[in-house]
C-alpha atoms as a PDB file:
ATOM      1  CA  MET A   1      81.913-104.323  71.373  1.00  0.00           C
ATOM      2  CA  LEU A   2      84.472-105.606  68.920  1.00  0.00           C
ATOM      3  CA  LYS A   3      85.830-109.076  68.453  1.00  0.00           C
ATOM      4  CA  ILE A   4      89.350-107.687  68.555  1.00  0.00           C
ATOM      5  CA  HIS A   5      88.609-106.200  71.998  1.00  0.00           C
ATOM      6  CA  PRO A   6      86.546-108.919  73.663  1.00  0.00           C
ATOM      7  CA  GLN A   7      84.705-108.221  76.898  1.00  0.00           C
ATOM      8  CA  PRO A   8      82.251-110.296  78.876  1.00  0.00           C
ATOM      9  CA  VAL A   9      79.085-110.475  76.793  1.00  0.00           C
ATOM     10  CA  SER A  10      76.817-108.983  79.454  1.00  0.00           C
ATOM     11  CA  ASN A  11      79.105-105.951  79.881  1.00  0.00           C
ATOM     12  CA  GLY A  12      79.317-105.488  76.125  1.00  0.00           C
ATOM     13  CA  PHE A  13      75.557-105.678  75.684  1.00  0.00           C
ATOM     14  CA  LEU A  14      74.971-103.273  78.556  1.00  0.00           C
ATOM     15  CA  LYS A  15      77.326-100.742  76.946  1.00  0.00           C
ATOM     16  CA  ILE A  16      75.603-101.155  73.582  1.00  0.00           C
ATOM     17  CA  GLN A  17      72.174-100.747  75.192  1.00  0.00           C
ATOM     18  CA  LYS A  18      73.224 -97.505  76.868  1.00  0.00           C
ATOM     19  CA  LYS A  19      74.828 -96.246  73.660  1.00  0.00           C
ATOM     20  CA  ILE A  20      71.690 -96.987  71.622  1.00  0.00           C
ATOM     21  CA  ILE A  21      69.377 -95.332  74.147  1.00  0.00           C
ATOM     22  CA  LYS A  22      71.589 -92.242  74.411  1.00  0.00           C
ATOM     23  CA  LYS A  23      71.805 -91.807  70.644  1.00  0.00           C
ATOM     24  CA  TYR A  24      68.336 -92.802  69.447  1.00  0.00           C
ATOM     25  CA  ARG A  25      65.890 -92.126  72.279  1.00  0.00           C
ATOM     26  CA  PRO A  26      64.581 -88.594  72.683  1.00  0.00           C
ATOM     27  CA  ALA A  27      65.334 -87.174  76.118  1.00  0.00           C
ATOM     28  CA  ASN A  28      62.351 -87.841  78.366  1.00  0.00           C
ATOM     29  CA  PRO A  29      62.808 -88.072  82.136  1.00  0.00           C
ATOM     30  CA  ASN A  30      59.643 -90.210  82.404  1.00  0.00           C
ATOM     31  CA  ASP A  31      60.982 -92.830  79.997  1.00  0.00           C
ATOM     32  CA  THR A  32      63.014 -95.175  82.178  1.00  0.00           C
ATOM     33  CA  PHE A  33      62.673 -98.341  80.081  1.00  0.00           C
ATOM     34  CA  PRO A  34      66.207 -99.814  80.344  1.00  0.00           C
ATOM     35  CA  PHE A  35      66.303-101.584  76.985  1.00  0.00           C
ATOM     36  CA  PRO A  36      66.406-100.243  73.444  1.00  0.00           C
ATOM     37  CA  THR A  37      63.169-100.530  71.528  1.00  0.00           C
ATOM     38  CA  PHE A  38      63.164-102.587  68.337  1.00  0.00           C
ATOM     39  CA  PRO A  39      63.234 -99.459  66.101  1.00  0.00           C
ATOM     40  CA  GLU A  40      66.110 -97.997  68.151  1.00  0.00           C
ATOM     41  CA  PHE A  41      68.074-101.227  67.807  1.00  0.00           C
ATOM     42  CA  VAL A  42      67.365-101.481  64.079  1.00  0.00           C
ATOM     43  CA  GLN A  43      68.520 -97.901  63.513  1.00  0.00           C
ATOM     44  CA  TYR A  44      71.711 -98.657  65.439  1.00  0.00           C
ATOM     45  CA  VAL A  45      72.407-101.717  63.261  1.00  0.00           C
ATOM     46  CA  ILE A  46      71.704 -99.691  60.112  1.00  0.00           C
ATOM     47  CA  ASP A  47      73.958 -96.804  61.152  1.00  0.00           C
ATOM     48  CA  MET A  48      76.850 -98.826  62.550  1.00  0.00           C
ATOM     49  CA  SER A  49      77.018-101.099  59.507  1.00  0.00           C
ATOM     50  CA  ALA A  50      76.498 -98.423  56.854  1.00  0.00           C
ATOM     51  CA  TYR A  51      79.940 -98.826  55.322  1.00  0.00           C
ATOM     52  CA  TYR A  52      80.481-102.569  55.725  1.00  0.00           C
ATOM     53  CA  THR A  53      80.896-104.149  52.321  1.00  0.00           C
ATOM     54  CA  THR A  54      82.916-107.252  53.122  1.00  0.00           C
ATOM     55  CA  GLY A  55      82.516-110.254  55.372  1.00  0.00           C
ATOM     56  CA  GLU A  56      85.778-109.318  57.033  1.00  0.00           C
ATOM     57  CA  GLN A  57      84.412-105.907  58.080  1.00  0.00           C
ATOM     58  CA  TRP A  58      81.330-107.544  59.589  1.00  0.00           C
ATOM     59  CA  ARG A  59      83.372-110.205  61.414  1.00  0.00           C
ATOM     60  CA  GLU A  60      85.858-107.678  62.828  1.00  0.00           C
ATOM     61  CA  ASN A  61      83.265-105.225  64.104  1.00  0.00           C
ATOM     62  CA  VAL A  62      80.101-107.139  64.983  1.00  0.00           C
ATOM     63  CA  ILE A  63      79.406-110.140  67.161  1.00  0.00           C
ATOM     64  CA  CYS A  64      75.716-110.994  67.330  1.00  0.00           C
ATOM     65  CA  TRP A  65      73.935-109.746  64.215  1.00  0.00           C
ATOM     66  CA  ILE A  66      76.416-110.663  61.503  1.00  0.00           C
ATOM     67  CA  PRO A  67      74.735-111.590  58.227  1.00  0.00           C
ATOM     68  CA  PHE A  68      74.887-115.316  57.657  1.00  0.00           C
ATOM     69  CA  TRP A  69      76.850-114.908  54.425  1.00  0.00           C
ATOM     70  CA  ALA A  70      79.603-113.116  56.378  1.00  0.00           C
ATOM     71  CA  GLN A  71      79.886-115.739  59.138  1.00  0.00           C
ATOM     72  CA  CYS A  72      81.284-118.514  57.024  1.00  0.00           C
ATOM     73  CA  ASP A  73      81.833-119.698  53.500  1.00  0.00           C
ATOM     74  CA  VAL A  74      78.202-120.674  53.039  1.00  0.00           C
ATOM     75  CA  CYS A  75      78.503-121.750  49.440  1.00  0.00           C
ATOM     76  CA  SER A  76      81.642-123.828  49.952  1.00  0.00           C
ATOM     77  CA  MET A  77      79.891-126.193  52.375  1.00  0.00           C
ATOM     78  CA  ASP A  78      77.981-129.288  51.351  1.00  0.00           C
ATOM     79  CA  TYR A  79      74.825-129.061  53.466  1.00  0.00           C
ATOM     80  CA  ASN A  80      72.424-131.948  53.932  1.00  0.00           C
ATOM     81  CA  VAL A  81      69.750-129.806  55.564  1.00  0.00           C
ATOM     82  CA  ILE A  82      69.125-126.082  55.916  1.00  0.00           C
ATOM     83  CA  MET A  83      66.592-125.253  58.626  1.00  0.00           C
ATOM     84  CA  LYS A  84      64.700-121.984  59.106  1.00  0.00           C
ATOM     85  CA  LEU A  85      62.864-120.685  62.150  1.00  0.00           C
ATOM     86  CA  GLU A  86      59.800-120.107  59.990  1.00  0.00           C
ATOM     87  CA  THR A  87      59.571-123.809  59.146  1.00  0.00           C
ATOM     88  CA  MET A  88      61.360-125.168  62.207  1.00  0.00           C
ATOM     89  CA  THR A  89      58.671-127.658  63.240  1.00  0.00           C
ATOM     90  CA  ASP A  90      58.588-129.341  59.828  1.00  0.00           C
ATOM     91  CA  ASP A  91      62.363-129.060  59.430  1.00  0.00           C
ATOM     92  CA  GLU A  92      62.934-130.726  62.818  1.00  0.00           C
ATOM     93  CA  LYS A  93      60.667-133.630  61.877  1.00  0.00           C
ATOM     94  CA  PHE A  94      62.508-134.044  58.588  1.00  0.00           C
ATOM     95  CA  LEU A  95      65.921-133.972  60.296  1.00  0.00           C
ATOM     96  CA  ILE A  96      64.800-136.463  62.958  1.00  0.00           C
ATOM     97  CA  THR A  97      63.520-138.825  60.269  1.00  0.00           C
ATOM     98  CA  LEU A  98      66.610-138.330  58.111  1.00  0.00           C
ATOM     99  CA  SER A  99      68.980-139.056  61.002  1.00  0.00           C
ATOM    100  CA  ASN A 100      66.775-141.838  62.414  1.00  0.00           C
ATOM    101  CA  MET A 101      66.688-140.349  65.919  1.00  0.00           C
ATOM    102  CA  LYS A 102      63.899-142.520  67.288  1.00  0.00           C
ATOM    103  CA  LYS A 103      63.838-140.934  70.761  1.00  0.00           C
ATOM    104  CA  LEU A 104      63.297-137.481  69.301  1.00  0.00           C
ATOM    105  CA  LYS A 105      60.445-138.670  67.081  1.00  0.00           C
ATOM    106  CA  LYS A 106      58.262-138.895  70.186  1.00  0.00           C
ATOM    107  CA  ILE A 107      58.870-135.286  71.250  1.00  0.00           C
ATOM    108  CA  GLU A 108      56.155-132.916  70.121  1.00  0.00           C
ATOM    109  CA  GLY A 109      56.322-129.177  70.265  1.00  0.00           C
ATOM    110  CA  GLU A 110      57.017-125.993  68.452  1.00  0.00           C
ATOM    111  CA  TRP A 111      59.773-123.464  69.027  1.00  0.00           C
ATOM    112  CA  ARG A 112      58.383-120.415  70.806  1.00  0.00           C
ATOM    113  CA  ASN A 113      59.958-117.354  72.339  1.00  0.00           C
ATOM    114  CA  LEU A 114      59.225-115.653  75.660  1.00  0.00           C
ATOM    115  CA  ARG A 115      56.061-114.094  74.242  1.00  0.00           C
ATOM    116  CA  ASN A 116      54.824-117.640  73.551  1.00  0.00           C
ATOM    117  CA  VAL A 117      54.444-117.034  69.815  1.00  0.00           C
ATOM    118  CA  THR A 118      56.372-118.345  66.845  1.00  0.00           C
ATOM    119  CA  SER A 119      58.762-115.993  65.032  1.00  0.00           C
ATOM    120  CA  THR A 120      56.382-115.984  62.055  1.00  0.00           C
ATOM    121  CA  GLN A 121      53.567-114.803  64.334  1.00  0.00           C
ATOM    122  CA  ALA A 122      55.751-112.196  66.068  1.00  0.00           C
ATOM    123  CA  ALA A 123      57.413-110.675  62.980  1.00  0.00           C
ATOM    124  CA  PRO A 124      54.495-108.453  61.873  1.00  0.00           C
ATOM    125  CA  ASP A 125      54.342-106.799  65.307  1.00  0.00           C
ATOM    126  CA  PHE A 126      58.001-105.854  65.028  1.00  0.00           C
ATOM    127  CA  TYR A 127      57.790-104.673  61.412  1.00  0.00           C
ATOM    128  CA  ARG A 128      54.843-102.389  62.307  1.00  0.00           C
ATOM    129  CA  GLN A 129      57.236-100.421  64.530  1.00  0.00           C
ATOM    130  CA  LEU A 130      59.617 -99.610  61.658  1.00  0.00           C
ATOM    131  CA  THR A 131      59.482 -96.990  58.935  1.00  0.00           C
ATOM    132  CA  THR A 132      59.649 -97.996  55.291  1.00  0.00           C
ATOM    133  CA  ARG A 133      63.143 -96.461  55.132  1.00  0.00           C
ATOM    134  CA  GLN A 134      64.335 -98.572  58.073  1.00  0.00           C
ATOM    135  CA  MET A 135      62.985-101.728  56.441  1.00  0.00           C
ATOM    136  CA  LEU A 136      64.679-100.932  53.143  1.00  0.00           C
ATOM    137  CA  ASP A 137      67.983-100.024  54.821  1.00  0.00           C
ATOM    138  CA  LEU A 138      67.926-103.149  56.972  1.00  0.00           C
ATOM    139  CA  HIS A 139      67.120-105.235  53.897  1.00  0.00           C
ATOM    140  CA  GLN A 140      70.107-103.697  52.118  1.00  0.00           C
ATOM    141  CA  ARG A 141      72.432-104.719  54.977  1.00  0.00           C
ATOM    142  CA  TYR A 142      71.170-108.312  54.829  1.00  0.00           C
ATOM    143  CA  LYS A 143      70.347-108.498  51.106  1.00  0.00           C
ATOM    144  CA  LEU A 144      72.592-111.481  50.430  1.00  0.00           C
ATOM    145  CA  ASP A 145      70.954-113.401  53.295  1.00  0.00           C
ATOM    146  CA  PHE A 146      67.534-112.602  51.845  1.00  0.00           C
ATOM    147  CA  GLU A 147      68.646-113.967  48.486  1.00  0.00           C
ATOM    148  CA  LEU A 148      70.419-116.958  49.992  1.00  0.00           C
ATOM    149  CA  PHE A 149      67.385-118.108  51.978  1.00  0.00           C
ATOM    150  CA  GLY A 150      64.633-116.953  49.630  1.00  0.00           C
ATOM    151  CA  TYR A 151      63.271-114.186  51.858  1.00  0.00           C
ATOM    152  CA  THR A 152      61.394-111.174  50.543  1.00  0.00           C
ATOM    153  CA  LEU A 153      60.164-107.901  52.007  1.00  0.00           C
ATOM    154  CA  ASP A 154      56.940-107.956  50.002  1.00  0.00           C
ATOM    155  CA  ALA A 155      54.727-109.102  52.876  1.00  0.00           C
ATOM    156  CA  TYR A 156      56.305-106.712  55.390  1.00  0.00           C
ATOM    157  CA  LEU A 157      56.684-103.363  53.592  1.00  0.00           C
ATOM    158  CA  PRO A 158      52.915-102.684  53.742  1.00  0.00           C
ATOM    159  CA  LEU A 159      53.158-103.051  57.547  1.00  0.00           C
ATOM    160  CA  ALA A 160      55.611-100.146  57.965  1.00  0.00           C
ATOM    161  CA  LYS A 161      54.299 -97.513  60.334  1.00  0.00           C
ATOM    162  CA  ASP A 162      54.427 -94.915  57.537  1.00  0.00           C
ATOM    163  CA  ALA A 163      53.043 -97.166  54.778  1.00  0.00           C
ATOM    164  CA  PRO A 164      49.965 -95.872  52.974  1.00  0.00           C
ATOM    165  CA  ASN A 165      46.848 -97.959  53.670  1.00  0.00           C
ATOM    166  CA  ARG A 166      48.667 -99.880  56.387  1.00  0.00           C
ATOM    167  CA  PRO A 167      46.648-102.845  57.625  1.00  0.00           C
ATOM    168  CA  HIS A 168      45.890-102.738  61.336  1.00  0.00           C
ATOM    169  CA  SER A 169      46.785-105.530  63.736  1.00  0.00           C
END
């Protein structure tokens, strides 16, 4: 699915899902799971973006998993607040206080996904499904985002499914 050839999102995602499954899933007639697994999706992102070196290449060829640095001129903007999913609860409180949104001050809660866990809690489960090579390749594709937001792979590399002395969940 390319931006220069837009299609309805659901059709585009369905085509990508089928493409990923066909290319990365070993043929098994008993495996009828209709969605790519996380490792299959990661390998697709790694392979399809292998030669992207500019923001323009990312923007022309990818819609949903564009690195943040390629989406806009991050450094040319004067931000008041940068929020992260990992610190969303605290960041929301800070933003509400900063903007004096009194009605929102009363709302309590934490962002959670369909598994009812925070992204920080869910991340190790996903990283355990990847090989060290996949983690390193994925990091390379999003290296500038890691640097921009102060992320590191240090806590996740030991979780790789092929890591020596891998801690168990």
